[in-house]
Amino acid sequence: MIDISKVGKKIEQLRSSNNMTQNDLAQKMFVSHQAVSKWERGINLPSIETIVLLTDLFGVSFDELIYDLEVTTENIEELLKTHSRNYLMQNLLERKIDNLSDVFYLFDKNERLQLLHRLVKNTDFEVVEEVWAYLSKSERRYLLSNIMLDTVKTMNLTITLEETMILKRRRTENGRISIR
């Protein structure tokens, strides 16, 4: 159930942290300052269209705005049962959850590959080092095939002899490792 007073407090907190007045927010949302005041006091909820605008403006998810969720390693198992897995994965990738290695096992094979793909895309190699020991052989190969060779050399990874041989044998002209 949605607690409108919590939604109001979250809107007020987001507005204040962005150094906006109620009038500033009202102008951006195409509503009156009285409407913003009613939201913040928990009297009314914004319309769904306005909620979408608010999430864009403040850079938060729908779940964060409506449910005021704080995703942590302690509550992620419970949240996986009740909330969007994509939302939780996004929190992991934005480093809103520390210690990815503590929760990596909770995700299925496809989700783990999505996480690894995003880590490579975002060049978040610190996290790669964090989860390296927990990766399957195919996940390690995926990473090795998508990370620049010179990057692999600078990372603190314990790799097997087989993985070392893969690195030595399958280099392409652009510096990426090609693994089949």
C-alpha atoms as a PDB file:
ATOM      1  CA  MET A   1       0.000   0.000   0.000  1.00  0.00           C
ATOM      2  CA  ILE A   2       1.221   3.481  -0.817  1.00  0.00           C
ATOM      3  CA  ASP A   3       1.761   5.769   2.165  1.00  0.00           C
ATOM      4  CA  ILE A   4       1.005   9.242   0.769  1.00  0.00           C
ATOM      5  CA  SER A   5       2.648  11.003   3.694  1.00  0.00           C
ATOM      6  CA  LYS A   6       5.927   9.140   2.958  1.00  0.00           C
ATOM      7  CA  VAL A   7       5.613  10.046  -0.726  1.00  0.00           C
ATOM      8  CA  GLY A   8       5.120  13.669   0.287  1.00  0.00           C
ATOM      9  CA  LYS A   9       8.151  13.622   2.553  1.00  0.00           C
ATOM     10  CA  LYS A  10      10.233  12.069  -0.215  1.00  0.00           C
ATOM     11  CA  ILE A  11       9.128  14.777  -2.685  1.00  0.00           C
ATOM     12  CA  GLU A  12       9.954  17.461  -0.141  1.00  0.00           C
ATOM     13  CA  GLN A  13      13.360  15.906   0.574  1.00  0.00           C
ATOM     14  CA  LEU A  14      14.182  15.649  -3.157  1.00  0.00           C
ATOM     15  CA  ARG A  15      13.003  19.213  -3.811  1.00  0.00           C
ATOM     16  CA  SER A  16      15.036  20.591  -0.907  1.00  0.00           C
ATOM     17  CA  SER A  17      18.159  18.644  -1.818  1.00  0.00           C
ATOM     18  CA  ASN A  18      17.925  20.169  -5.307  1.00  0.00           C
ATOM     19  CA  ASN A  19      17.670  23.683  -3.819  1.00  0.00           C
ATOM     20  CA  MET A  20      14.196  24.234  -5.234  1.00  0.00           C
ATOM     21  CA  THR A  21      11.265  26.097  -3.749  1.00  0.00           C
ATOM     22  CA  GLN A  22       7.726  24.793  -4.010  1.00  0.00           C
ATOM     23  CA  ASN A  23       7.166  27.443  -6.689  1.00  0.00           C
ATOM     24  CA  ASP A  24      10.190  26.227  -8.667  1.00  0.00           C
ATOM     25  CA  LEU A  25       8.931  22.659  -8.574  1.00  0.00           C
ATOM     26  CA  ALA A  26       5.380  23.712  -9.409  1.00  0.00           C
ATOM     27  CA  GLN A  27       6.586  25.528 -12.540  1.00  0.00           C
ATOM     28  CA  LYS A  28       8.583  22.511 -13.701  1.00  0.00           C
ATOM     29  CA  MET A  29       5.612  20.195 -13.096  1.00  0.00           C
ATOM     30  CA  PHE A  30       3.034  22.583 -14.619  1.00  0.00           C
ATOM     31  CA  VAL A  31       0.993  22.686 -11.410  1.00  0.00           C
ATOM     32  CA  SER A  32       0.297  25.272  -8.715  1.00  0.00           C
ATOM     33  CA  HIS A  33       2.481  25.701  -5.649  1.00  0.00           C
ATOM     34  CA  GLN A  34      -0.587  24.688  -3.632  1.00  0.00           C
ATOM     35  CA  ALA A  35      -0.576  21.298  -5.378  1.00  0.00           C
ATOM     36  CA  VAL A  36       3.081  20.806  -4.428  1.00  0.00           C
ATOM     37  CA  SER A  37       2.261  21.796  -0.857  1.00  0.00           C
ATOM     38  CA  LYS A  38      -0.559  19.222  -0.732  1.00  0.00           C
ATOM     39  CA  TRP A  39       1.763  16.504  -2.018  1.00  0.00           C
ATOM     40  CA  GLU A  40       4.393  17.338   0.574  1.00  0.00           C
ATOM     41  CA  ARG A  41       1.867  17.392   3.413  1.00  0.00           C
ATOM     42  CA  GLY A  42       0.473  14.007   2.348  1.00  0.00           C
ATOM     43  CA  ILE A  43      -2.955  15.334   1.419  1.00  0.00           C
ATOM     44  CA  ASN A  44      -2.828  14.384  -2.275  1.00  0.00           C
ATOM     45  CA  LEU A  45      -0.679  12.318  -4.593  1.00  0.00           C
ATOM     46  CA  PRO A  46       0.630  13.681  -7.873  1.00  0.00           C
ATOM     47  CA  SER A  47      -0.930  12.255 -11.039  1.00  0.00           C
ATOM     48  CA  ILE A  48       0.887   9.383 -12.740  1.00  0.00           C
ATOM     49  CA  GLU A  49       2.079  11.774 -15.464  1.00  0.00           C
ATOM     50  CA  THR A  50       3.507  14.091 -12.818  1.00  0.00           C
ATOM     51  CA  ILE A  51       5.158  11.185 -11.020  1.00  0.00           C
ATOM     52  CA  VAL A  52       6.940  10.294 -14.263  1.00  0.00           C
ATOM     53  CA  LEU A  53       8.095  13.920 -14.586  1.00  0.00           C
ATOM     54  CA  LEU A  54       9.266  13.908 -10.956  1.00  0.00           C
ATOM     55  CA  THR A  55      11.310  10.723 -11.443  1.00  0.00           C
ATOM     56  CA  ASP A  56      12.967  12.261 -14.504  1.00  0.00           C
ATOM     57  CA  LEU A  57      13.607  15.585 -12.805  1.00  0.00           C
ATOM     58  CA  PHE A  58      15.116  14.093  -9.656  1.00  0.00           C
ATOM     59  CA  GLY A  59      16.803  11.102 -11.299  1.00  0.00           C
ATOM     60  CA  VAL A  60      15.091   8.529  -9.098  1.00  0.00           C
ATOM     61  CA  SER A  61      13.102   5.430  -9.927  1.00  0.00           C
ATOM     62  CA  PHE A  62       9.360   5.070  -9.471  1.00  0.00           C
ATOM     63  CA  ASP A  63      10.015   2.652  -6.588  1.00  0.00           C
ATOM     64  CA  GLU A  64      12.305   5.126  -4.846  1.00  0.00           C
ATOM     65  CA  LEU A  65       9.756   7.913  -5.130  1.00  0.00           C
ATOM     66  CA  ILE A  66       6.622   5.974  -4.238  1.00  0.00           C
ATOM     67  CA  TYR A  67       7.977   3.411  -1.789  1.00  0.00           C
ATOM     68  CA  ASP A  68      11.018   5.377  -0.521  1.00  0.00           C
ATOM     69  CA  LEU A  69      13.146   2.258  -0.830  1.00  0.00           C
ATOM     70  CA  GLU A  70      16.708   2.119   0.220  1.00  0.00           C
ATOM     71  CA  VAL A  71      18.283  -0.957  -1.276  1.00  0.00           C
ATOM     72  CA  THR A  72      21.049  -2.489   0.824  1.00  0.00           C
ATOM     73  CA  THR A  73      22.862  -5.812   0.927  1.00  0.00           C
ATOM     74  CA  GLU A  74      20.818  -6.607   4.038  1.00  0.00           C
ATOM     75  CA  ASN A  75      17.390  -6.194   2.417  1.00  0.00           C
ATOM     76  CA  ILE A  76      18.035  -7.141  -1.209  1.00  0.00           C
ATOM     77  CA  GLU A  77      16.906 -10.764  -0.788  1.00  0.00           C
ATOM     78  CA  GLU A  78      13.500  -9.590   0.445  1.00  0.00           C
ATOM     79  CA  LEU A  79      13.269  -6.872  -2.209  1.00  0.00           C
ATOM     80  CA  LEU A  80      13.974  -9.417  -4.949  1.00  0.00           C
ATOM     81  CA  LYS A  81      10.710 -11.101  -3.975  1.00  0.00           C
ATOM     82  CA  THR A  82       8.614  -7.940  -4.112  1.00  0.00           C
ATOM     83  CA  HIS A  83      10.198  -5.458  -6.519  1.00  0.00           C
ATOM     84  CA  SER A  84      11.496  -5.212 -10.046  1.00  0.00           C
ATOM     85  CA  ARG A  85      14.741  -7.103 -10.507  1.00  0.00           C
ATOM     86  CA  ASN A  86      15.812  -4.493 -13.077  1.00  0.00           C
ATOM     87  CA  TYR A  87      15.386  -1.756 -10.470  1.00  0.00           C
ATOM     88  CA  LEU A  88      17.574  -3.664  -8.041  1.00  0.00           C
ATOM     89  CA  MET A  89      20.176  -4.399 -10.713  1.00  0.00           C
ATOM     90  CA  GLN A  90      20.274  -0.698 -11.573  1.00  0.00           C
ATOM     91  CA  ASN A  91      20.934   0.110  -7.910  1.00  0.00           C
ATOM     92  CA  LEU A  92      23.807  -2.356  -7.946  1.00  0.00           C
ATOM     93  CA  LEU A  93      25.289  -0.785 -11.028  1.00  0.00           C
ATOM     94  CA  GLU A  94      24.936   2.746  -9.698  1.00  0.00           C
ATOM     95  CA  ARG A  95      26.871   1.554  -6.641  1.00  0.00           C
ATOM     96  CA  LYS A  96      23.952   2.328  -4.361  1.00  0.00           C
ATOM     97  CA  ILE A  97      24.582  -1.156  -3.004  1.00  0.00           C
ATOM     98  CA  ASP A  98      28.071  -1.868  -1.745  1.00  0.00           C
ATOM     99  CA  ASN A  99      29.673  -5.271  -1.961  1.00  0.00           C
ATOM    100  CA  LEU A 100      28.198  -6.646  -5.155  1.00  0.00           C
ATOM    101  CA  SER A 101      30.036  -9.865  -4.347  1.00  0.00           C
ATOM    102  CA  ASP A 102      27.742 -10.368  -1.319  1.00  0.00           C
ATOM    103  CA  VAL A 103      24.599 -10.465  -3.470  1.00  0.00           C
ATOM    104  CA  PHE A 104      25.860 -11.561  -6.903  1.00  0.00           C
ATOM    105  CA  TYR A 105      24.770 -15.158  -6.248  1.00  0.00           C
ATOM    106  CA  LEU A 106      21.133 -14.039  -5.870  1.00  0.00           C
ATOM    107  CA  PHE A 107      20.833 -13.351  -9.596  1.00  0.00           C
ATOM    108  CA  ASP A 108      20.226 -15.935 -12.304  1.00  0.00           C
ATOM    109  CA  LYS A 109      22.657 -16.652 -15.147  1.00  0.00           C
ATOM    110  CA  ASN A 110      21.118 -14.123 -17.578  1.00  0.00           C
ATOM    111  CA  GLU A 111      20.951 -11.359 -14.961  1.00  0.00           C
ATOM    112  CA  ARG A 112      24.566 -12.001 -14.001  1.00  0.00           C
ATOM    113  CA  LEU A 113      25.596 -11.648 -17.644  1.00  0.00           C
ATOM    114  CA  GLN A 114      23.600  -8.402 -17.885  1.00  0.00           C
ATOM    115  CA  LEU A 115      25.397  -7.111 -14.798  1.00  0.00           C
ATOM    116  CA  LEU A 116      28.776  -8.103 -16.236  1.00  0.00           C
ATOM    117  CA  HIS A 117      27.937  -6.501 -19.573  1.00  0.00           C
ATOM    118  CA  ARG A 118      27.023  -3.241 -17.852  1.00  0.00           C
ATOM    119  CA  LEU A 119      30.160  -3.363 -15.725  1.00  0.00           C
ATOM    120  CA  VAL A 120      32.288  -3.681 -18.857  1.00  0.00           C
ATOM    121  CA  LYS A 121      30.285  -0.989 -20.649  1.00  0.00           C
ATOM    122  CA  ASN A 122      30.648   1.374 -17.675  1.00  0.00           C
ATOM    123  CA  THR A 123      34.307   0.368 -17.253  1.00  0.00           C
ATOM    124  CA  ASP A 124      33.682  -0.335 -13.576  1.00  0.00           C
ATOM    125  CA  PHE A 125      36.682  -2.617 -13.152  1.00  0.00           C
ATOM    126  CA  GLU A 126      36.851  -2.164  -9.391  1.00  0.00           C
ATOM    127  CA  VAL A 127      33.591  -4.109  -9.178  1.00  0.00           C
ATOM    128  CA  VAL A 128      34.904  -6.705 -11.632  1.00  0.00           C
ATOM    129  CA  GLU A 129      37.772  -7.352  -9.222  1.00  0.00           C
ATOM    130  CA  GLU A 130      35.253  -7.565  -6.380  1.00  0.00           C
ATOM    131  CA  VAL A 131      33.204 -10.348  -8.015  1.00  0.00           C
ATOM    132  CA  TRP A 132      35.959 -12.159  -9.939  1.00  0.00           C
ATOM    133  CA  ALA A 133      36.258 -15.015  -7.418  1.00  0.00           C
ATOM    134  CA  TYR A 134      32.504 -15.685  -7.639  1.00  0.00           C
ATOM    135  CA  LEU A 135      32.302 -15.927 -11.419  1.00  0.00           C
ATOM    136  CA  SER A 136      31.748 -19.107 -13.344  1.00  0.00           C
ATOM    137  CA  LYS A 137      34.204 -20.146 -16.031  1.00  0.00           C
ATOM    138  CA  SER A 138      31.924 -18.844 -18.809  1.00  0.00           C
ATOM    139  CA  GLU A 139      31.418 -15.517 -16.988  1.00  0.00           C
ATOM    140  CA  ARG A 140      35.180 -15.096 -16.646  1.00  0.00           C
ATOM    141  CA  ARG A 141      35.616 -15.841 -20.343  1.00  0.00           C
ATOM    142  CA  TYR A 142      32.933 -13.292 -21.177  1.00  0.00           C
ATOM    143  CA  LEU A 143      34.766 -10.638 -19.168  1.00  0.00           C
ATOM    144  CA  LEU A 144      38.151 -11.526 -20.587  1.00  0.00           C
ATOM    145  CA  SER A 145      36.752 -11.324 -24.101  1.00  0.00           C
ATOM    146  CA  ASN A 146      35.314  -7.866 -23.550  1.00  0.00           C
ATOM    147  CA  ILE A 147      37.939  -6.062 -21.521  1.00  0.00           C
ATOM    148  CA  MET A 148      40.908  -4.394 -23.154  1.00  0.00           C
ATOM    149  CA  LEU A 149      44.094  -6.428 -22.713  1.00  0.00           C
ATOM    150  CA  ASP A 150      46.054  -3.654 -21.019  1.00  0.00           C
ATOM    151  CA  THR A 151      43.186  -3.227 -18.525  1.00  0.00           C
ATOM    152  CA  VAL A 152      43.338  -6.894 -17.570  1.00  0.00           C
ATOM    153  CA  LYS A 153      47.048  -6.479 -16.799  1.00  0.00           C
ATOM    154  CA  THR A 154      46.360  -3.635 -14.346  1.00  0.00           C
ATOM    155  CA  MET A 155      43.605  -5.474 -12.499  1.00  0.00           C
ATOM    156  CA  ASN A 156      44.278  -7.575  -9.432  1.00  0.00           C
ATOM    157  CA  LEU A 157      42.784 -10.802 -10.781  1.00  0.00           C
ATOM    158  CA  THR A 158      43.797 -14.340  -9.992  1.00  0.00           C
ATOM    159  CA  ILE A 159      43.437 -16.119 -13.280  1.00  0.00           C
ATOM    160  CA  THR A 160      43.960 -19.755 -14.131  1.00  0.00           C
ATOM    161  CA  LEU A 161      46.625 -21.079 -16.451  1.00  0.00           C
ATOM    162  CA  GLU A 162      43.904 -21.765 -19.033  1.00  0.00           C
ATOM    163  CA  GLU A 163      42.704 -18.158 -18.820  1.00  0.00           C
ATOM    164  CA  THR A 164      46.283 -16.944 -19.200  1.00  0.00           C
ATOM    165  CA  MET A 165      46.652 -19.073 -22.325  1.00  0.00           C
ATOM    166  CA  ILE A 166      43.413 -17.621 -23.692  1.00  0.00           C
ATOM    167  CA  LEU A 167      44.827 -14.141 -23.173  1.00  0.00           C
ATOM    168  CA  LYS A 168      48.076 -14.992 -24.926  1.00  0.00           C
ATOM    169  CA  ARG A 169      46.546 -16.831 -27.904  1.00  0.00           C
ATOM    170  CA  ARG A 170      43.511 -14.842 -28.931  1.00  0.00           C
ATOM    171  CA  ARG A 171      44.317 -11.173 -29.350  1.00  0.00           C
ATOM    172  CA  THR A 172      42.842  -9.141 -32.138  1.00  0.00           C
ATOM    173  CA  GLU A 173      44.362  -6.117 -33.834  1.00  0.00           C
ATOM    174  CA  ASN A 174      42.263  -3.661 -31.787  1.00  0.00           C
ATOM    175  CA  GLY A 175      43.584  -4.897 -28.453  1.00  0.00           C
ATOM    176  CA  ARG A 176      40.514  -6.879 -27.443  1.00  0.00           C
ATOM    177  CA  ILE A 177      40.760 -10.503 -26.607  1.00  0.00           C
ATOM    178  CA  SER A 178      38.740 -12.833 -28.795  1.00  0.00           C
ATOM    179  CA  ILE A 179      37.330 -15.876 -27.026  1.00  0.00           C
ATOM    180  CA  ARG A 180      35.182 -18.468 -28.710  1.00  0.00           C
END
